[in-house]
């Protein structure tokens, strides 16, 4: 079997094998690329009050404010947080709970500037397959990624093969014409 036929078969059957996983990855990837453009996906970072002095409120006090301000976030202990994101250039700290609620607090005044649901983390887990469990991530999405790399390589080969063949034919004709 020649290389061209083999690569076509790999391309054909490989794309069939990863059709569903690739669709999920692509669609979730599009949402992730747009996460800063749509507040529905990821709430925009608000601005706190600017100050030349360092913040006087401790992180523990900010945590207590977030805990009290957003019961829907279900923050009862530090372990209920998936991340704490300090944005010094915007004078805000974000507390993101395991339930995907985000509470943004002004680091200088202690005011809650925003609380909202954050979908970007869910979309990211769908994108990498972890949303469906470790088995799906490892045994469906990882092989799909590897097969996708092979499809990319075979696709490049199949794309350039006709161009290369035409170039060789022209070169051969040109050398015959010179004789």
C-alpha atoms as a PDB file:
ATOM      1  CA  UNK A   1       0.000   0.000   0.000  1.00  0.00           C
ATOM      2  CA  UNK A   2       1.475   3.355  -0.961  1.00  0.00           C
ATOM      3  CA  UNK A   3       1.779   6.289   1.430  1.00  0.00           C
ATOM      4  CA  UNK A   4      -0.970   8.320  -0.211  1.00  0.00           C
ATOM      5  CA  UNK A   5      -3.563   5.545   0.181  1.00  0.00           C
ATOM      6  CA  UNK A   6      -2.430   4.776   3.749  1.00  0.00           C
ATOM      7  CA  UNK A   7      -2.703   8.422   4.777  1.00  0.00           C
ATOM      8  CA  UNK A   8      -6.144   8.720   3.193  1.00  0.00           C
ATOM      9  CA  UNK A   9      -7.312   5.683   5.185  1.00  0.00           C
ATOM     10  CA  UNK A  10      -5.818   7.075   8.403  1.00  0.00           C
ATOM     11  CA  UNK A  11      -7.512  10.384   7.682  1.00  0.00           C
ATOM     12  CA  UNK A  12     -10.857   8.727   6.903  1.00  0.00           C
ATOM     13  CA  UNK A  13     -11.055   6.333   9.851  1.00  0.00           C
ATOM     14  CA  UNK A  14      -9.264   8.637  12.307  1.00  0.00           C
ATOM     15  CA  UNK A  15     -11.748  11.426  11.691  1.00  0.00           C
ATOM     16  CA  UNK A  16     -14.612   8.986  12.199  1.00  0.00           C
ATOM     17  CA  UNK A  17     -13.117   7.848  15.538  1.00  0.00           C
ATOM     18  CA  UNK A  18     -12.769  11.350  16.983  1.00  0.00           C
ATOM     19  CA  UNK A  19     -15.759  13.049  15.391  1.00  0.00           C
ATOM     20  CA  UNK A  20     -17.730  13.502  18.636  1.00  0.00           C
ATOM     21  CA  UNK A  21     -14.797  14.374  20.914  1.00  0.00           C
ATOM     22  CA  UNK A  22     -13.356  16.829  18.388  1.00  0.00           C
ATOM     23  CA  UNK A  23     -16.735  18.540  18.035  1.00  0.00           C
ATOM     24  CA  UNK A  24     -16.962  18.998  21.817  1.00  0.00           C
ATOM     25  CA  UNK A  25     -13.358  20.281  21.959  1.00  0.00           C
ATOM     26  CA  UNK A  26     -13.868  22.713  19.065  1.00  0.00           C
ATOM     27  CA  UNK A  27     -17.169  24.160  20.312  1.00  0.00           C
ATOM     28  CA  UNK A  28     -15.903  24.551  23.892  1.00  0.00           C
ATOM     29  CA  UNK A  29     -12.689  26.092  22.507  1.00  0.00           C
ATOM     30  CA  UNK A  30     -14.703  28.713  20.623  1.00  0.00           C
ATOM     31  CA  UNK A  31     -16.507  29.649  23.858  1.00  0.00           C
ATOM     32  CA  UNK A  32     -13.166  29.867  25.689  1.00  0.00           C
ATOM     33  CA  UNK A  33     -11.731  32.172  23.018  1.00  0.00           C
ATOM     34  CA  UNK A  34     -14.706  34.474  23.573  1.00  0.00           C
ATOM     35  CA  UNK A  35     -14.772  34.340  27.386  1.00  0.00           C
ATOM     36  CA  UNK A  36     -13.487  37.906  27.828  1.00  0.00           C
ATOM     37  CA  UNK A  37     -16.058  39.195  25.319  1.00  0.00           C
ATOM     38  CA  UNK A  38     -19.204  37.814  26.973  1.00  0.00           C
ATOM     39  CA  UNK A  39     -20.040  38.329  30.649  1.00  0.00           C
ATOM     40  CA  UNK A  40     -22.272  35.229  30.445  1.00  0.00           C
ATOM     41  CA  UNK A  41     -19.130  33.086  30.089  1.00  0.00           C
ATOM     42  CA  UNK A  42     -16.796  34.910  32.471  1.00  0.00           C
ATOM     43  CA  UNK A  43     -17.753  37.979  34.481  1.00  0.00           C
ATOM     44  CA  UNK A  44     -15.582  40.971  33.619  1.00  0.00           C
ATOM     45  CA  UNK A  45     -13.123  42.144  36.256  1.00  0.00           C
ATOM     46  CA  UNK A  46     -14.458  45.290  37.903  1.00  0.00           C
ATOM     47  CA  UNK A  47     -12.323  48.176  39.138  1.00  0.00           C
ATOM     48  CA  UNK A  48     -11.907  48.989  42.797  1.00  0.00           C
ATOM     49  CA  UNK A  49     -10.955  52.334  44.268  1.00  0.00           C
ATOM     50  CA  UNK A  50      -7.417  53.385  43.465  1.00  0.00           C
ATOM     51  CA  UNK A  51      -4.988  54.196  46.225  1.00  0.00           C
ATOM     52  CA  UNK A  52      -1.284  54.940  46.415  1.00  0.00           C
ATOM     53  CA  UNK A  53      -1.094  53.137  49.758  1.00  0.00           C
ATOM     54  CA  UNK A  54      -1.008  49.355  50.052  1.00  0.00           C
ATOM     55  CA  UNK A  55      -4.358  47.796  50.999  1.00  0.00           C
ATOM     56  CA  UNK A  56      -5.140  47.936  54.714  1.00  0.00           C
ATOM     57  CA  UNK A  57      -7.671  45.095  54.614  1.00  0.00           C
ATOM     58  CA  UNK A  58      -6.214  41.616  55.153  1.00  0.00           C
ATOM     59  CA  UNK A  59      -6.994  38.676  52.907  1.00  0.00           C
ATOM     60  CA  UNK A  60      -8.753  37.005  55.861  1.00  0.00           C
ATOM     61  CA  UNK A  61     -11.050  40.026  56.236  1.00  0.00           C
ATOM     62  CA  UNK A  62     -11.748  40.052  52.484  1.00  0.00           C
ATOM     63  CA  UNK A  63     -12.553  36.328  52.699  1.00  0.00           C
ATOM     64  CA  UNK A  64     -15.081  36.992  55.484  1.00  0.00           C
ATOM     65  CA  UNK A  65     -16.697  39.742  53.382  1.00  0.00           C
ATOM     66  CA  UNK A  66     -17.012  37.358  50.403  1.00  0.00           C
ATOM     67  CA  UNK A  67     -18.399  34.614  52.620  1.00  0.00           C
ATOM     68  CA  UNK A  68     -21.092  36.905  54.040  1.00  0.00           C
ATOM     69  CA  UNK A  69     -21.909  38.677  50.763  1.00  0.00           C
ATOM     70  CA  UNK A  70     -22.697  35.652  48.616  1.00  0.00           C
ATOM     71  CA  UNK A  71     -24.577  32.803  50.291  1.00  0.00           C
ATOM     72  CA  UNK A  72     -25.205  31.336  46.821  1.00  0.00           C
ATOM     73  CA  UNK A  73     -21.430  30.800  46.498  1.00  0.00           C
ATOM     74  CA  UNK A  74     -21.645  28.347  49.413  1.00  0.00           C
ATOM     75  CA  UNK A  75     -18.352  29.496  50.965  1.00  0.00           C
ATOM     76  CA  UNK A  76     -18.125  28.043  54.467  1.00  0.00           C
ATOM     77  CA  UNK A  77     -14.380  27.410  54.668  1.00  0.00           C
ATOM     78  CA  UNK A  78     -11.200  28.037  52.689  1.00  0.00           C
ATOM     79  CA  UNK A  79     -11.558  24.609  51.088  1.00  0.00           C
ATOM     80  CA  UNK A  80     -14.797  25.791  49.437  1.00  0.00           C
ATOM     81  CA  UNK A  81     -12.707  28.095  47.218  1.00  0.00           C
ATOM     82  CA  UNK A  82     -11.204  26.967  43.922  1.00  0.00           C
ATOM     83  CA  UNK A  83      -9.083  30.120  43.634  1.00  0.00           C
ATOM     84  CA  UNK A  84      -8.353  33.539  45.018  1.00  0.00           C
ATOM     85  CA  UNK A  85      -7.239  35.924  42.298  1.00  0.00           C
ATOM     86  CA  UNK A  86      -5.726  39.259  43.316  1.00  0.00           C
ATOM     87  CA  UNK A  87      -5.748  41.944  40.613  1.00  0.00           C
ATOM     88  CA  UNK A  88      -3.548  44.749  42.029  1.00  0.00           C
ATOM     89  CA  UNK A  89      -3.841  46.822  38.836  1.00  0.00           C
ATOM     90  CA  UNK A  90      -7.646  46.860  39.205  1.00  0.00           C
ATOM     91  CA  UNK A  91      -7.656  47.044  43.047  1.00  0.00           C
ATOM     92  CA  UNK A  92      -9.856  43.946  43.245  1.00  0.00           C
ATOM     93  CA  UNK A  93      -9.631  40.457  44.689  1.00  0.00           C
ATOM     94  CA  UNK A  94     -11.755  37.650  43.235  1.00  0.00           C
ATOM     95  CA  UNK A  95     -12.907  34.749  45.361  1.00  0.00           C
ATOM     96  CA  UNK A  96     -14.063  31.883  43.128  1.00  0.00           C
ATOM     97  CA  UNK A  97     -15.970  29.124  44.904  1.00  0.00           C
ATOM     98  CA  UNK A  98     -16.105  25.444  44.029  1.00  0.00           C
ATOM     99  CA  UNK A  99     -19.705  26.112  42.934  1.00  0.00           C
ATOM    100  CA  UNK A 100     -18.336  28.512  40.249  1.00  0.00           C
ATOM    101  CA  UNK A 101     -19.642  31.667  41.893  1.00  0.00           C
ATOM    102  CA  UNK A 102     -17.260  34.603  41.805  1.00  0.00           C
ATOM    103  CA  UNK A 103     -17.225  37.427  44.355  1.00  0.00           C
ATOM    104  CA  UNK A 104     -15.147  40.493  43.499  1.00  0.00           C
ATOM    105  CA  UNK A 105     -14.193  42.790  46.363  1.00  0.00           C
ATOM    106  CA  UNK A 106     -12.526  46.200  46.316  1.00  0.00           C
ATOM    107  CA  UNK A 107      -9.212  45.665  48.155  1.00  0.00           C
ATOM    108  CA  UNK A 108      -9.164  49.219  49.522  1.00  0.00           C
ATOM    109  CA  UNK A 109     -12.774  49.785  50.628  1.00  0.00           C
ATOM    110  CA  UNK A 110     -13.923  46.206  51.226  1.00  0.00           C
ATOM    111  CA  UNK A 111     -17.037  46.784  49.095  1.00  0.00           C
ATOM    112  CA  UNK A 112     -18.419  43.917  47.025  1.00  0.00           C
ATOM    113  CA  UNK A 113     -18.179  45.210  43.457  1.00  0.00           C
ATOM    114  CA  UNK A 114     -19.654  42.134  41.789  1.00  0.00           C
ATOM    115  CA  UNK A 115     -20.937  38.662  42.443  1.00  0.00           C
ATOM    116  CA  UNK A 116     -21.889  36.421  39.565  1.00  0.00           C
ATOM    117  CA  UNK A 117     -21.809  32.898  38.193  1.00  0.00           C
ATOM    118  CA  UNK A 118     -18.657  31.982  36.257  1.00  0.00           C
ATOM    119  CA  UNK A 119     -19.148  29.490  33.390  1.00  0.00           C
ATOM    120  CA  UNK A 120     -15.632  29.611  31.921  1.00  0.00           C
ATOM    121  CA  UNK A 121     -14.287  26.986  34.327  1.00  0.00           C
ATOM    122  CA  UNK A 122     -17.100  24.567  33.427  1.00  0.00           C
ATOM    123  CA  UNK A 123     -16.484  25.168  29.721  1.00  0.00           C
ATOM    124  CA  UNK A 124     -12.754  24.587  30.243  1.00  0.00           C
ATOM    125  CA  UNK A 125     -13.449  21.258  31.954  1.00  0.00           C
ATOM    126  CA  UNK A 126     -15.698  20.282  29.018  1.00  0.00           C
ATOM    127  CA  UNK A 127     -12.931  21.333  26.616  1.00  0.00           C
ATOM    128  CA  UNK A 128     -10.283  19.142  28.268  1.00  0.00           C
ATOM    129  CA  UNK A 129     -12.683  16.258  28.990  1.00  0.00           C
ATOM    130  CA  UNK A 130     -12.395  16.354  32.798  1.00  0.00           C
ATOM    131  CA  UNK A 131     -16.080  17.363  33.037  1.00  0.00           C
ATOM    132  CA  UNK A 132     -16.964  13.826  31.909  1.00  0.00           C
ATOM    133  CA  UNK A 133     -14.635  12.173  34.452  1.00  0.00           C
ATOM    134  CA  UNK A 134     -11.003  11.087  34.566  1.00  0.00           C
ATOM    135  CA  UNK A 135     -11.694   7.991  32.459  1.00  0.00           C
ATOM    136  CA  UNK A 136     -13.239  10.022  29.646  1.00  0.00           C
ATOM    137  CA  UNK A 137     -10.414  12.540  29.813  1.00  0.00           C
ATOM    138  CA  UNK A 138      -7.722   9.875  29.646  1.00  0.00           C
ATOM    139  CA  UNK A 139      -9.339   7.280  27.379  1.00  0.00           C
ATOM    140  CA  UNK A 140     -11.498   9.401  25.031  1.00  0.00           C
ATOM    141  CA  UNK A 141     -10.143  12.950  24.890  1.00  0.00           C
ATOM    142  CA  UNK A 142      -6.398  12.185  25.107  1.00  0.00           C
ATOM    143  CA  UNK A 143      -6.538   9.625  22.261  1.00  0.00           C
ATOM    144  CA  UNK A 144      -8.669  12.082  20.278  1.00  0.00           C
ATOM    145  CA  UNK A 145      -5.917  14.679  20.696  1.00  0.00           C
ATOM    146  CA  UNK A 146      -3.236  12.215  19.562  1.00  0.00           C
ATOM    147  CA  UNK A 147      -5.341  11.134  16.559  1.00  0.00           C
ATOM    148  CA  UNK A 148      -5.957  14.810  15.755  1.00  0.00           C
ATOM    149  CA  UNK A 149      -2.191  15.358  15.547  1.00  0.00           C
ATOM    150  CA  UNK A 150      -1.937  12.435  13.084  1.00  0.00           C
ATOM    151  CA  UNK A 151      -4.843  13.849  11.059  1.00  0.00           C
ATOM    152  CA  UNK A 152      -3.045  17.188  10.971  1.00  0.00           C
ATOM    153  CA  UNK A 153       0.180  15.561   9.736  1.00  0.00           C
ATOM    154  CA  UNK A 154      -1.529  13.364   7.137  1.00  0.00           C
ATOM    155  CA  UNK A 155      -3.646  16.326   6.042  1.00  0.00           C
ATOM    156  CA  UNK A 156      -0.532  18.409   5.427  1.00  0.00           C
ATOM    157  CA  UNK A 157       0.972  15.565   3.419  1.00  0.00           C
ATOM    158  CA  UNK A 158      -2.206  15.052   1.391  1.00  0.00           C
ATOM    159  CA  UNK A 159      -2.519  18.796   0.777  1.00  0.00           C
ATOM    160  CA  UNK A 160       1.026  19.301  -0.489  1.00  0.00           C
ATOM    161  CA  UNK A 161       1.346  16.003  -2.404  1.00  0.00           C
ATOM    162  CA  UNK A 162      -0.482  17.219  -5.574  1.00  0.00           C
ATOM    163  CA  UNK A 163       1.509  20.478  -5.535  1.00  0.00           C
ATOM    164  CA  UNK A 164       4.747  18.525  -5.226  1.00  0.00           C
ATOM    165  CA  UNK A 165       3.719  16.143  -8.036  1.00  0.00           C
ATOM    166  CA  UNK A 166       2.877  19.091 -10.340  1.00  0.00           C
ATOM    167  CA  UNK A 167       6.171  20.757  -9.515  1.00  0.00           C
ATOM    168  CA  UNK A 168       8.074  17.523 -10.363  1.00  0.00           C
ATOM    169  CA  UNK A 169       6.176  17.136 -13.665  1.00  0.00           C
ATOM    170  CA  UNK A 170       6.972  20.745 -14.642  1.00  0.00           C
ATOM    171  CA  UNK A 171      10.596  20.264 -13.691  1.00  0.00           C
ATOM    172  CA  UNK A 172      10.755  17.032 -15.717  1.00  0.00           C
ATOM    173  CA  UNK A 173       9.138  18.708 -18.773  1.00  0.00           C
ATOM    174  CA  UNK A 174      11.515  21.641 -18.489  1.00  0.00           C
ATOM    175  CA  UNK A 175      14.566  19.351 -18.394  1.00  0.00           C
ATOM    176  CA  UNK A 176      13.270  17.407 -21.447  1.00  0.00           C
ATOM    177  CA  UNK A 177      12.691  20.674 -23.311  1.00  0.00           C
ATOM    178  CA  UNK A 178      16.302  21.711 -22.720  1.00  0.00           C
ATOM    179  CA  UNK A 179      17.598  18.519 -24.355  1.00  0.00           C
END
